[in-house]
Amino acid sequence: MPNTEDLRVYLCIDLKSFYASVECVERGLDPFRVNLVVADPDRTDKTICLAITPAMKALGVRNRCRVFEIPPGMDYIMAVPRMHLYLEYSARIYAVYLRYVAREDIHIYSVDEAFLDVTHYLKLYGLRARELAVRIMNDIFETTGITATCGIGTNLYLTKIALDITAKHVPEHIGILTEERYRASLWDHRPLTDFWRIGPGTAAHLARLGMDTMRQVAAADEDLLYKEFGIDAELLIDHAWGREPVTIADIKQYRPKSNSLSSGQILPWDYHFDDGLLVVKEMTEQLGMELLDKGLVTSAVTLLLSYSRASGVPYSRGTESFPEPVNSCRKLLETTENLYRRIVRPEAAIRRIGLDFHGVEPERGMQCSLFDDPKQLERERSLSGAILTLRDRYGKSAVFRGMDLQENARTLERNAQIGGHRA
């Protein structure tokens, strides 16, 4: 790693097969020797495995596979997801990072991955980047029993690539990249989907243009790339050369020009018209209560319905705006129900629902139109406030609507989950 003064040095630390490793630690097992799958046995065999142990990966089982894709005859343990437990481990590991790096120099990328800006700490500790990485990784293992991998780079992109591509192929689980080393070792790496932020769609688009390596992207005509990819071409070009100007400090300082609240879920089976409307109402009530709880209002709502493949219909999407920003659950429910009825394809089975409140901003006094009854709005607000108080004290399911007890309702089950999985 160069010692040039103007270069930054980042670590990207990933917790190897995190959920599966936690389950192994809890059982006193070695994830590198034991076959273990984290998946919900109460769901069908089409459910996605949240994690598999490195031992299973070594046998050729694909990470994030579905249960039915595990080879027949393979012996393995199926562990029920325990999201609260995984968050507890993640918090303990975050505390490890804080032993070495200040909070403002840490960016949590996901529950099992974090970026650390160690530029000014190497001199403080009298260590090279690799030595500091090893010390932190060892501390994580001694504290939690979880094995970590690490990418080291001179910008956030190179650090991520060093983790995702380079670290996987070395026994010490540490990869190091500078711009020069990146171009020398990975410009001809295939497939392109191994690179951060290049998904199958982007890779296929590049392939149609005759590009399947980063070297070819770097050599391509920039006008062509902007024509094909729009503003995303800037990021693509920078990454092809191994450049990334954004720092952790930039991320910490970023403030969006507009705000929104969103909710989405994948349904456990095909939902048809009435059941789909029920779930949309549940989601609207939950987001509406969140608006009230945070003292916010919204100016528009967008609903996205995705259908099962067998329906032959891709999706429906629609937006409704409000004359004045609102947080009344009654108004929100009326609007989303009308929007649902307008855009839904009644003949198609719904599998995913996404709901977004746009233009979210702090409430500046109660907004009333000429058609509103101020007393009714005040009663609604008082009732909602009482519900929020009870839920805050006794849990999200302490008070719920009658519709939440209907067959195929989702709220009570989801209240017992974290991120759509068992808590």
Protein backbone atom coordinates (compact mmCIF):
# COMPACT_ATOMS: atom_id res chain seq x y z
CA MET A 1 0.00 0.00 0.00
CA PRO A 2 1.51 3.35 -1.06
CA ASN A 3 2.41 5.81 1.67
CA THR A 4 1.70 8.88 -0.47
CA GLU A 5 0.33 11.60 1.78
CA ASP A 6 -2.63 12.59 -0.41
CA LEU A 7 -3.96 9.02 -0.80
CA ARG A 8 -6.74 7.82 1.48
CA VAL A 9 -6.80 4.28 2.83
CA TYR A 10 -10.05 2.42 3.38
CA LEU A 11 -10.99 -0.97 4.76
CA CYS A 12 -14.16 -2.79 3.75
CA ILE A 13 -14.85 -5.55 6.26
CA ASP A 14 -17.35 -8.30 5.52
CA LEU A 15 -18.54 -10.93 7.99
CA LYS A 16 -18.21 -14.25 6.20
CA SER A 17 -21.56 -16.04 5.71
CA PHE A 18 -22.77 -13.92 8.60
CA TYR A 19 -26.17 -15.39 9.51
CA ALA A 20 -24.94 -18.97 9.05
CA SER A 21 -21.76 -18.24 11.02
CA VAL A 22 -23.78 -16.80 13.92
CA GLU A 23 -25.92 -19.94 14.00
CA CYS A 24 -22.79 -22.09 14.04
CA VAL A 25 -21.19 -20.05 16.84
CA GLU A 26 -24.38 -20.40 18.89
CA ARG A 27 -24.21 -24.20 18.41
CA GLY A 28 -20.47 -24.51 18.98
CA LEU A 29 -19.92 -25.60 15.36
CA ASP A 30 -17.30 -24.67 12.75
CA PRO A 31 -18.96 -23.07 9.69
CA PHE A 32 -16.01 -24.19 7.56
CA ARG A 33 -16.72 -27.85 8.40
CA VAL A 34 -20.48 -28.02 8.97
CA ASN A 35 -23.29 -27.83 6.43
CA LEU A 36 -25.85 -25.34 7.74
CA VAL A 37 -28.59 -23.36 6.01
CA VAL A 38 -30.47 -20.37 7.43
CA ALA A 39 -34.01 -20.66 6.08
CA ASP A 40 -37.55 -20.74 7.42
CA PRO A 41 -38.82 -24.35 7.47
CA ASP A 42 -42.43 -23.15 7.69
CA ARG A 43 -42.21 -21.74 4.16
CA THR A 44 -42.15 -23.80 0.98
CA ASP A 45 -38.98 -25.33 -0.47
CA LYS A 46 -38.96 -22.37 -2.88
CA THR A 47 -37.93 -20.05 -0.04
CA ILE A 48 -34.52 -18.42 -0.42
CA CYS A 49 -31.74 -19.49 1.94
CA LEU A 50 -30.64 -16.34 3.77
CA ALA A 51 -27.17 -17.82 4.20
CA ILE A 52 -25.23 -21.06 3.86
CA THR A 53 -21.95 -21.97 5.52
CA PRO A 54 -18.61 -21.79 3.69
CA ALA A 55 -18.54 -25.59 3.94
CA MET A 56 -21.59 -25.81 1.68
CA LYS A 57 -20.18 -23.23 -0.71
CA ALA A 58 -17.06 -25.39 -1.02
CA LEU A 59 -19.33 -28.25 -2.13
CA GLY A 60 -20.72 -26.10 -4.95
CA VAL A 61 -23.97 -24.94 -3.36
CA ARG A 62 -24.83 -21.45 -4.56
CA ASN A 63 -25.21 -18.71 -1.97
CA ARG A 64 -28.76 -17.36 -1.64
CA CYS A 65 -30.08 -20.46 -3.39
CA ARG A 66 -33.58 -21.78 -2.83
CA VAL A 67 -34.04 -24.77 -0.54
CA PHE A 68 -35.06 -27.10 -3.37
CA GLU A 69 -31.80 -26.28 -5.18
CA ILE A 70 -29.70 -27.92 -2.46
CA PRO A 71 -28.47 -31.23 -3.94
CA PRO A 72 -30.61 -34.22 -2.87
CA GLY A 73 -28.90 -36.42 -0.33
CA MET A 74 -26.76 -33.63 1.14
CA ASP A 75 -26.94 -33.62 4.91
CA TYR A 76 -27.36 -30.20 6.45
CA ILE A 77 -28.80 -28.37 9.44
CA MET A 78 -31.65 -25.93 8.76
CA ALA A 79 -31.56 -23.01 11.20
CA VAL A 80 -34.62 -20.83 11.66
CA PRO A 81 -33.75 -17.14 11.04
CA ARG A 82 -33.24 -15.12 14.23
CA MET A 83 -32.89 -11.51 13.10
CA HIS A 84 -32.71 -10.03 16.59
CA LEU A 85 -29.76 -12.28 17.35
CA TYR A 86 -27.96 -11.26 14.14
CA LEU A 87 -28.48 -7.58 14.95
CA GLU A 88 -27.03 -8.15 18.42
CA TYR A 89 -23.90 -9.71 16.90
CA SER A 90 -23.69 -6.86 14.39
CA ALA A 91 -23.85 -4.31 17.21
CA ARG A 92 -21.06 -6.12 19.07
CA ILE A 93 -18.91 -6.03 15.95
CA TYR A 94 -19.65 -2.32 15.46
CA ALA A 95 -18.33 -1.85 19.00
CA VAL A 96 -15.12 -3.57 17.87
CA TYR A 97 -14.74 -1.04 15.03
CA LEU A 98 -15.13 1.77 17.55
CA ARG A 99 -12.09 0.50 19.44
CA TYR A 100 -9.96 1.47 16.45
CA VAL A 101 -11.84 4.13 14.43
CA ALA A 102 -14.08 7.07 15.35
CA ARG A 103 -17.77 6.91 14.49
CA GLU A 104 -17.46 9.59 11.79
CA ASP A 105 -14.94 7.41 9.93
CA ILE A 106 -17.25 4.38 9.75
CA HIS A 107 -19.95 3.81 7.13
CA ILE A 108 -22.24 0.83 7.79
CA TYR A 109 -23.05 -0.57 4.36
CA SER A 110 -25.22 -3.47 5.57
CA VAL A 111 -25.76 -5.60 8.66
CA ASP A 112 -22.62 -7.59 7.81
CA GLU A 113 -20.44 -5.10 5.94
CA ALA A 114 -18.80 -1.78 6.81
CA PHE A 115 -16.33 0.73 5.35
CA LEU A 116 -13.67 2.25 7.59
CA ASP A 117 -11.52 5.26 6.69
CA VAL A 118 -8.23 4.44 8.41
CA THR A 119 -6.13 7.10 6.66
CA HIS A 120 -5.21 8.99 9.82
CA TYR A 121 -5.04 5.97 12.11
CA LEU A 122 -2.12 4.14 10.50
CA LYS A 123 0.42 6.64 11.79
CA LEU A 124 -1.35 6.76 15.17
CA TYR A 125 -1.00 2.99 15.64
CA GLY A 126 2.30 2.66 13.79
CA LEU A 127 0.78 0.01 11.52
CA ARG A 128 0.39 -0.66 7.83
CA ALA A 129 -3.13 -1.06 6.46
CA ARG A 130 -2.86 -4.85 6.24
CA GLU A 131 -1.60 -5.05 9.83
CA LEU A 132 -4.47 -2.93 11.12
CA ALA A 133 -6.95 -5.00 9.12
CA VAL A 134 -5.59 -8.22 10.62
CA ARG A 135 -5.79 -6.77 14.12
CA ILE A 136 -9.45 -5.76 13.64
CA MET A 137 -10.37 -9.09 12.02
CA ASN A 138 -8.73 -11.01 14.88
CA ASP A 139 -10.55 -8.84 17.43
CA ILE A 140 -13.87 -9.60 15.71
CA PHE A 141 -13.15 -13.33 15.86
CA GLU A 142 -12.04 -13.23 19.50
CA THR A 143 -15.09 -11.15 20.47
CA THR A 144 -17.78 -13.02 18.54
CA GLY A 145 -16.31 -16.11 16.89
CA ILE A 146 -17.17 -14.69 13.44
CA THR A 147 -14.58 -14.85 10.64
CA ALA A 148 -14.19 -11.62 8.64
CA THR A 149 -12.77 -10.84 5.22
CA CYS A 150 -11.35 -7.47 4.21
CA GLY A 151 -10.71 -5.31 1.18
CA ILE A 152 -8.13 -2.51 1.33
CA GLY A 153 -8.05 0.28 -1.22
CA THR A 154 -7.29 3.89 -1.97
CA ASN A 155 -10.94 4.73 -2.64
CA LEU A 156 -14.29 3.24 -1.66
CA TYR A 157 -14.82 1.50 -5.01
CA LEU A 158 -11.40 -0.18 -5.04
CA THR A 159 -11.90 -1.23 -1.43
CA LYS A 160 -15.19 -2.91 -2.29
CA ILE A 161 -13.70 -4.64 -5.35
CA ALA A 162 -10.70 -5.77 -3.30
CA LEU A 163 -13.18 -7.40 -0.93
CA ASP A 164 -15.58 -8.89 -3.48
CA ILE A 165 -13.06 -10.21 -6.01
CA THR A 166 -9.49 -10.23 -4.69
CA ALA A 167 -9.97 -11.30 -1.04
CA LYS A 168 -11.91 -14.42 -2.04
CA HIS A 169 -8.90 -15.91 -3.79
CA VAL A 170 -6.22 -15.55 -1.11
CA PRO A 171 -5.87 -17.67 2.06
CA GLU A 172 -5.61 -14.69 4.44
CA HIS A 173 -8.94 -13.30 3.15
CA ILE A 174 -7.46 -9.82 2.54
CA GLY A 175 -7.36 -8.10 -0.86
CA ILE A 176 -5.48 -4.86 -1.64
CA LEU A 177 -6.00 -2.59 -4.65
CA THR A 178 -4.69 0.73 -5.92
CA GLU A 179 -5.75 2.18 -9.26
CA GLU A 180 -2.59 0.82 -10.88
CA ARG A 181 -2.96 -2.64 -9.36
CA TYR A 182 -6.64 -2.69 -10.31
CA ARG A 183 -5.88 -1.98 -13.95
CA ALA A 184 -3.04 -4.49 -14.00
CA SER A 185 -4.91 -7.37 -12.37
CA LEU A 186 -8.64 -6.88 -13.01
CA TRP A 187 -9.07 -4.99 -16.27
CA ASP A 188 -9.59 -8.30 -18.09
CA HIS A 189 -11.51 -10.02 -15.30
CA ARG A 190 -14.74 -11.75 -16.28
CA PRO A 191 -17.67 -11.71 -15.71
CA LEU A 192 -18.46 -8.03 -15.38
CA THR A 193 -21.21 -8.84 -12.88
CA ASP A 194 -18.46 -9.52 -10.30
CA PHE A 195 -17.88 -5.76 -10.20
CA TRP A 196 -19.81 -3.59 -7.74
CA ARG A 197 -22.94 -1.98 -9.25
CA ILE A 198 -22.84 -3.92 -12.52
CA GLY A 199 -25.92 -6.13 -12.58
CA PRO A 200 -27.02 -8.60 -15.25
CA GLY A 201 -28.95 -5.90 -17.15
CA THR A 202 -25.97 -3.53 -17.38
CA ALA A 203 -23.63 -6.39 -18.30
CA ALA A 204 -25.99 -7.53 -21.07
CA HIS A 205 -26.25 -3.95 -22.36
CA LEU A 206 -22.46 -3.65 -22.45
CA ALA A 207 -22.18 -7.04 -24.18
CA ARG A 208 -24.46 -5.81 -26.96
CA LEU A 209 -21.98 -2.97 -27.42
CA GLY A 210 -19.11 -5.46 -27.65
CA MET A 211 -17.75 -4.93 -24.13
CA ASP A 212 -17.27 -7.67 -21.55
CA THR A 213 -14.26 -6.38 -19.60
CA MET A 214 -13.44 -3.20 -17.73
CA ARG A 215 -10.53 -2.63 -20.10
CA GLN A 216 -12.99 -2.40 -23.00
CA VAL A 217 -15.28 -0.07 -21.04
CA ALA A 218 -12.32 2.20 -20.22
CA ALA A 219 -11.31 2.29 -23.91
CA ALA A 220 -14.86 2.91 -25.17
CA ASP A 221 -16.04 6.17 -26.68
CA GLU A 222 -17.46 8.20 -23.78
CA ASP A 223 -20.12 9.85 -25.97
CA LEU A 224 -21.42 6.39 -26.84
CA LEU A 225 -21.58 5.39 -23.17
CA TYR A 226 -23.46 8.57 -22.24
CA LYS A 227 -25.86 7.97 -25.12
CA GLU A 228 -26.53 4.41 -23.98
CA PHE A 229 -26.49 4.83 -20.18
CA GLY A 230 -27.26 8.50 -19.57
CA ILE A 231 -25.92 9.96 -16.34
CA ASP A 232 -24.99 6.47 -15.11
CA ALA A 233 -22.17 6.48 -17.69
CA GLU A 234 -20.16 8.82 -15.45
CA LEU A 235 -20.05 6.22 -12.69
CA LEU A 236 -19.37 3.43 -15.17
CA ILE A 237 -16.41 5.28 -16.71
CA ASP A 238 -14.91 6.21 -13.34
CA HIS A 239 -15.18 2.64 -12.10
CA ALA A 240 -13.70 1.23 -15.30
CA TRP A 241 -10.57 3.27 -14.51
CA GLY A 242 -10.71 2.44 -10.78
CA ARG A 243 -11.70 5.96 -9.75
CA GLU A 244 -14.20 6.99 -7.07
CA PRO A 245 -14.32 10.58 -5.76
CA VAL A 246 -16.91 10.03 -3.01
CA THR A 247 -15.55 9.69 0.53
CA ILE A 248 -17.12 8.56 3.80
CA ALA A 249 -17.22 12.22 4.84
CA ASP A 250 -19.26 12.97 1.69
CA ILE A 251 -21.70 10.20 2.56
CA LYS A 252 -22.09 11.51 6.11
CA GLN A 253 -22.78 15.04 4.86
CA TYR A 254 -25.26 14.06 2.14
CA ARG A 255 -28.80 15.35 2.53
CA PRO A 256 -31.44 14.47 -0.08
CA LYS A 257 -33.33 17.28 -1.81
CA SER A 258 -36.62 15.52 -1.10
CA ASN A 259 -37.69 12.80 1.30
CA SER A 260 -40.02 9.85 1.15
CA LEU A 261 -41.32 6.98 3.26
CA SER A 262 -41.59 3.56 1.67
CA SER A 263 -42.92 0.12 2.45
CA GLY A 264 -42.72 -3.03 0.38
CA GLN A 265 -43.29 -6.73 0.73
CA ILE A 266 -43.20 -9.97 -1.21
CA LEU A 267 -46.42 -11.87 -0.63
CA PRO A 268 -46.17 -15.53 0.48
CA TRP A 269 -48.48 -16.72 -2.31
CA ASP A 270 -50.65 -15.35 -5.11
CA TYR A 271 -53.02 -12.64 -3.87
CA HIS A 272 -56.06 -11.65 -5.86
CA PHE A 273 -58.11 -8.45 -5.92
CA ASP A 274 -59.72 -8.35 -2.46
CA ASP A 275 -56.74 -9.73 -0.55
CA GLY A 276 -54.40 -7.40 -2.42
CA LEU A 277 -56.53 -4.42 -1.42
CA LEU A 278 -56.47 -5.61 2.19
CA VAL A 279 -52.66 -5.63 2.26
CA VAL A 280 -52.50 -2.20 0.57
CA LYS A 281 -54.76 -0.82 3.31
CA GLU A 282 -52.59 -2.38 6.02
CA MET A 283 -49.44 -0.89 4.53
CA THR A 284 -51.10 2.52 4.18
CA GLU A 285 -52.19 2.51 7.82
CA GLN A 286 -48.69 1.60 8.98
CA LEU A 287 -46.99 4.31 6.92
CA GLY A 288 -49.68 6.83 7.88
CA MET A 289 -49.06 6.18 11.58
CA GLU A 290 -45.33 6.56 10.96
CA LEU A 291 -45.99 9.99 9.44
CA LEU A 292 -47.97 11.04 12.50
CA ASP A 293 -45.42 9.62 14.90
CA LYS A 294 -42.63 11.61 13.25
CA GLY A 295 -44.66 14.80 12.81
CA LEU A 296 -44.53 14.59 9.00
CA VAL A 297 -46.91 15.06 6.08
CA THR A 298 -46.85 13.77 2.51
CA SER A 299 -47.89 15.38 -0.77
CA ALA A 300 -48.22 12.29 -3.00
CA VAL A 301 -48.54 8.51 -2.90
CA THR A 302 -47.23 5.95 -5.41
CA LEU A 303 -48.40 2.35 -5.54
CA LEU A 304 -46.55 -0.43 -7.38
CA LEU A 305 -48.10 -3.87 -7.94
CA SER A 306 -45.99 -6.69 -9.37
CA TYR A 307 -47.74 -9.82 -10.60
CA SER A 308 -46.82 -13.50 -10.69
CA ARG A 309 -44.97 -14.69 -13.76
CA ALA A 310 -47.85 -17.00 -14.62
CA SER A 311 -50.12 -13.96 -14.99
CA GLY A 312 -48.12 -12.72 -17.95
CA VAL A 313 -48.43 -9.13 -16.68
CA PRO A 314 -45.26 -7.33 -15.47
CA TYR A 315 -46.55 -4.66 -13.09
CA SER A 316 -48.95 -1.75 -12.52
CA ARG A 317 -47.85 1.62 -11.19
CA GLY A 318 -49.74 4.80 -10.35
CA THR A 319 -49.40 8.05 -8.39
CA GLU A 320 -51.91 10.36 -6.74
CA SER A 321 -51.12 13.83 -5.39
CA PHE A 322 -52.88 15.69 -2.58
CA PRO A 323 -54.04 19.32 -2.87
CA GLU A 324 -52.41 19.95 0.51
CA PRO A 325 -49.84 17.78 2.35
CA VAL A 326 -51.62 15.28 4.64
CA ASN A 327 -51.01 12.72 7.38
CA SER A 328 -54.64 11.76 8.03
CA CYS A 329 -54.91 7.97 7.89
CA ARG A 330 -58.48 8.28 6.65
CA LYS A 331 -57.45 10.44 3.69
CA LEU A 332 -54.46 8.25 2.93
CA LEU A 333 -56.59 5.09 3.02
CA GLU A 334 -59.22 6.63 0.73
CA THR A 335 -56.58 7.73 -1.75
CA THR A 336 -54.62 4.47 -1.87
CA GLU A 337 -57.81 2.42 -2.21
CA ASN A 338 -58.94 4.55 -5.16
CA LEU A 339 -55.46 4.32 -6.66
CA TYR A 340 -55.42 0.54 -6.22
CA ARG A 341 -58.80 0.15 -7.90
CA ARG A 342 -57.65 2.35 -10.79
CA ILE A 343 -54.38 0.60 -11.61
CA VAL A 344 -54.84 -3.04 -10.54
CA ARG A 345 -55.26 -5.79 -13.15
CA PRO A 346 -58.09 -7.79 -11.51
CA GLU A 347 -57.36 -10.89 -13.56
CA ALA A 348 -53.70 -11.04 -12.47
CA ALA A 349 -52.27 -12.55 -9.26
CA ILE A 350 -50.28 -10.08 -7.13
CA ARG A 351 -46.94 -11.17 -5.62
CA ARG A 352 -45.27 -7.86 -4.62
CA ILE A 353 -46.59 -4.56 -3.33
CA GLY A 354 -44.65 -1.33 -2.96
CA LEU A 355 -46.02 1.86 -1.39
CA ASP A 356 -44.26 5.24 -1.35
CA PHE A 357 -45.20 8.55 0.24
CA HIS A 358 -43.44 11.37 -1.63
CA GLY A 359 -42.62 14.96 -0.75
CA VAL A 360 -42.44 14.12 2.93
CA GLU A 361 -41.77 17.18 5.09
CA PRO A 362 -42.33 18.39 8.67
CA GLU A 363 -45.92 19.28 9.48
CA ARG A 364 -46.53 22.99 9.86
CA GLY A 365 -49.90 23.09 11.56
CA MET A 366 -52.96 20.99 10.75
CA GLN A 367 -54.04 21.44 7.11
CA CYS A 368 -57.79 21.64 6.42
CA SER A 369 -59.57 22.03 3.09
CA LEU A 370 -63.01 23.58 2.63
CA PHE A 371 -64.48 20.07 2.76
CA ASP A 372 -62.81 19.00 6.01
CA ASP A 373 -64.43 19.01 9.43
CA PRO A 374 -61.74 20.35 11.81
CA LYS A 375 -63.36 18.61 14.79
CA GLN A 376 -63.32 15.27 12.98
CA LEU A 377 -59.67 15.71 12.03
CA GLU A 378 -58.82 16.55 15.64
CA ARG A 379 -60.65 13.43 16.87
CA GLU A 380 -58.71 11.32 14.35
CA ARG A 381 -55.45 12.86 15.50
CA SER A 382 -56.24 12.25 19.19
CA LEU A 383 -57.17 8.62 18.53
CA SER A 384 -54.05 8.03 16.46
CA GLY A 385 -51.93 9.63 19.17
CA ALA A 386 -53.40 7.28 21.78
CA ILE A 387 -52.72 4.27 19.53
CA LEU A 388 -49.11 5.37 19.01
CA THR A 389 -48.63 5.76 22.77
CA LEU A 390 -49.94 2.24 23.44
CA ARG A 391 -47.84 0.71 20.67
CA ASP A 392 -44.74 2.50 21.89
CA ARG A 393 -45.28 1.16 25.40
CA TYR A 394 -46.57 -2.35 24.72
CA GLY A 395 -45.40 -3.22 21.21
CA LYS A 396 -46.55 -2.80 17.63
CA SER A 397 -49.31 -5.41 17.95
CA ALA A 398 -50.79 -3.99 21.18
CA VAL A 399 -53.44 -2.14 19.16
CA PHE A 400 -54.48 -3.10 15.65
CA ARG A 401 -57.38 -2.76 13.23
CA GLY A 402 -60.04 -5.41 12.76
CA MET A 403 -58.91 -5.91 9.17
CA ASP A 404 -55.59 -7.21 10.51
CA LEU A 405 -57.45 -10.32 11.76
CA GLN A 406 -58.82 -11.21 8.33
CA GLU A 407 -57.55 -14.24 6.49
CA ASN A 408 -54.50 -13.33 4.36
CA ALA A 409 -53.84 -10.14 6.35
CA ARG A 410 -50.12 -9.57 6.88
CA THR A 411 -49.64 -6.93 9.58
CA LEU A 412 -49.60 -9.07 12.74
CA GLU A 413 -47.19 -11.59 11.20
CA ARG A 414 -44.92 -8.84 9.89
CA ASN A 415 -44.92 -7.10 13.27
CA ALA A 416 -43.14 -10.17 14.62
CA GLN A 417 -40.48 -9.99 11.89
CA ILE A 418 -37.38 -7.94 11.10
CA GLY A 419 -36.71 -7.29 7.43
CA GLY A 420 -39.42 -9.79 6.46
CA HIS A 421 -37.85 -12.63 8.47
CA ARG A 422 -38.40 -14.12 11.89
CA ALA A 423 -37.11 -11.91 14.66
